[in-house]
C-alpha atoms as a PDB file:
ATOM      1  CA  UNK A   1    -159.681 -95.281 -28.240  1.00  0.00           C
ATOM      2  CA  UNK A   2    -157.356 -96.447 -31.016  1.00  0.00           C
ATOM      3  CA  UNK A   3    -153.735 -95.301 -31.065  1.00  0.00           C
ATOM      4  CA  UNK A   4    -153.163 -93.287 -34.253  1.00  0.00           C
ATOM      5  CA  UNK A   5    -150.323 -95.629 -35.276  1.00  0.00           C
ATOM      6  CA  UNK A   6    -151.595 -99.100 -34.513  1.00  0.00           C
ATOM      7  CA  UNK A   7    -153.132-102.202 -36.058  1.00  0.00           C
ATOM      8  CA  UNK A   8    -156.904-102.018 -36.226  1.00  0.00           C
ATOM      9  CA  UNK A   9    -159.130-105.026 -35.774  1.00  0.00           C
ATOM     10  CA  UNK A  10    -162.766-104.033 -35.825  1.00  0.00           C
ATOM     11  CA  UNK A  11    -166.116-105.748 -36.238  1.00  0.00           C
ATOM     12  CA  UNK A  12    -169.078-104.371 -38.149  1.00  0.00           C
ATOM     13  CA  UNK A  13    -172.541-105.812 -38.763  1.00  0.00           C
ATOM     14  CA  UNK A  14    -171.401-107.225 -42.098  1.00  0.00           C
ATOM     15  CA  UNK A  15    -167.922-108.479 -41.095  1.00  0.00           C
ATOM     16  CA  UNK A  16    -164.468-107.823 -39.658  1.00  0.00           C
ATOM     17  CA  UNK A  17    -161.769-105.482 -40.980  1.00  0.00           C
ATOM     18  CA  UNK A  18    -158.047-105.852 -40.349  1.00  0.00           C
ATOM     19  CA  UNK A  19    -155.368-103.344 -41.227  1.00  0.00           C
ATOM     20  CA  UNK A  20    -153.135-100.578 -39.922  1.00  0.00           C
ATOM     21  CA  UNK A  21    -153.959 -96.999 -38.970  1.00  0.00           C
ATOM     22  CA  UNK A  22    -150.980 -94.670 -39.476  1.00  0.00           C
ATOM     23  CA  UNK A  23    -151.284 -91.001 -38.462  1.00  0.00           C
ATOM     24  CA  UNK A  24    -155.053 -91.432 -38.370  1.00  0.00           C
ATOM     25  CA  UNK A  25    -155.304 -92.900 -41.906  1.00  0.00           C
ATOM     26  CA  UNK A  26    -155.809 -96.423 -43.218  1.00  0.00           C
ATOM     27  CA  UNK A  27    -152.481 -97.501 -44.699  1.00  0.00           C
ATOM     28  CA  UNK A  28    -151.174-100.582 -46.449  1.00  0.00           C
ATOM     29  CA  UNK A  29    -152.974-103.870 -46.995  1.00  0.00           C
ATOM     30  CA  UNK A  30    -156.428-104.271 -45.493  1.00  0.00           C
ATOM     31  CA  UNK A  31    -158.622-107.358 -45.421  1.00  0.00           C
ATOM     32  CA  UNK A  32    -162.384-107.363 -44.888  1.00  0.00           C
ATOM     33  CA  UNK A  33    -163.949-110.679 -43.865  1.00  0.00           C
ATOM     34  CA  UNK A  34    -167.477-112.047 -44.105  1.00  0.00           C
ATOM     35  CA  UNK A  35    -169.254-111.887 -40.739  1.00  0.00           C
ATOM     36  CA  UNK A  36    -168.442-114.767 -38.361  1.00  0.00           C
ATOM     37  CA  UNK A  37    -166.113-116.500 -40.848  1.00  0.00           C
ATOM     38  CA  UNK A  38    -162.438-116.696 -41.747  1.00  0.00           C
ATOM     39  CA  UNK A  39    -163.263-116.082 -45.414  1.00  0.00           C
ATOM     40  CA  UNK A  40    -162.093-112.872 -47.052  1.00  0.00           C
ATOM     41  CA  UNK A  41    -164.696-110.591 -48.620  1.00  0.00           C
ATOM     42  CA  UNK A  42    -162.246-107.984 -49.969  1.00  0.00           C
ATOM     43  CA  UNK A  43    -158.524-107.402 -49.823  1.00  0.00           C
ATOM     44  CA  UNK A  44    -156.544-104.441 -51.070  1.00  0.00           C
ATOM     45  CA  UNK A  45    -154.282-101.521 -50.229  1.00  0.00           C
ATOM     46  CA  UNK A  46    -154.989 -98.062 -48.825  1.00  0.00           C
ATOM     47  CA  UNK A  47    -152.944 -94.868 -49.076  1.00  0.00           C
ATOM     48  CA  UNK A  48    -154.183 -92.031 -46.834  1.00  0.00           C
ATOM     49  CA  UNK A  49    -157.489 -93.917 -46.341  1.00  0.00           C
ATOM     50  CA  UNK A  50    -158.053 -94.074 -50.130  1.00  0.00           C
ATOM     51  CA  UNK A  51    -158.159 -97.379 -52.013  1.00  0.00           C
ATOM     52  CA  UNK A  52    -155.100 -97.830 -54.236  1.00  0.00           C
ATOM     53  CA  UNK A  53    -153.874-100.634 -56.468  1.00  0.00           C
ATOM     54  CA  UNK A  54    -155.418-104.066 -56.911  1.00  0.00           C
ATOM     55  CA  UNK A  55    -158.544-104.884 -54.886  1.00  0.00           C
ATOM     56  CA  UNK A  56    -160.031-108.367 -54.970  1.00  0.00           C
ATOM     57  CA  UNK A  57    -163.605-109.354 -54.077  1.00  0.00           C
ATOM     58  CA  UNK A  58    -164.310-112.930 -52.951  1.00  0.00           C
ATOM     59  CA  UNK A  59    -167.469-114.988 -52.512  1.00  0.00           C
ATOM     60  CA  UNK A  60    -168.323-116.736 -49.222  1.00  0.00           C
ATOM     61  CA  UNK A  61    -166.327-119.833 -50.247  1.00  0.00           C
ATOM     62  CA  UNK A  62    -163.159-117.883 -51.012  1.00  0.00           C
ATOM     63  CA  UNK A  63    -163.491-117.876 -54.800  1.00  0.00           C
ATOM     64  CA  UNK A  64    -162.494-114.685 -56.639  1.00  0.00           C
ATOM     65  CA  UNK A  65    -165.485-112.724 -57.942  1.00  0.00           C
ATOM     66  CA  UNK A  66    -163.929-109.461 -59.106  1.00  0.00           C
ATOM     67  CA  UNK A  67    -160.512-107.866 -59.506  1.00  0.00           C
ATOM     68  CA  UNK A  68    -160.414-104.077 -59.562  1.00  0.00           C
ATOM     69  CA  UNK A  69    -157.591-101.615 -60.075  1.00  0.00           C
ATOM     70  CA  UNK A  70    -157.890 -98.429 -58.023  1.00  0.00           C
ATOM     71  CA  UNK A  71    -155.703 -95.329 -58.272  1.00  0.00           C
ATOM     72  CA  UNK A  72    -155.214 -92.888 -55.427  1.00  0.00           C
ATOM     73  CA  UNK A  73    -154.864 -89.354 -56.784  1.00  0.00           C
ATOM     74  CA  UNK A  74    -153.439 -86.667 -54.534  1.00  0.00           C
END
């Protein structure tokens, strides 16, 4: 069981995710990696488990594919 205020490092079929869970919500900068690599797939910020701000998508060689701007609305 994950502490509600702790770093989270988890593995899924399509890659790893790294970030912080605060009061049960994803908070701050999160990075999602391609499976079995050190290459980022996405990086961006969460507020209350909602994407917020600049999110960047990378290809498998680390090159930027897309830059998105997300806005969390309360």
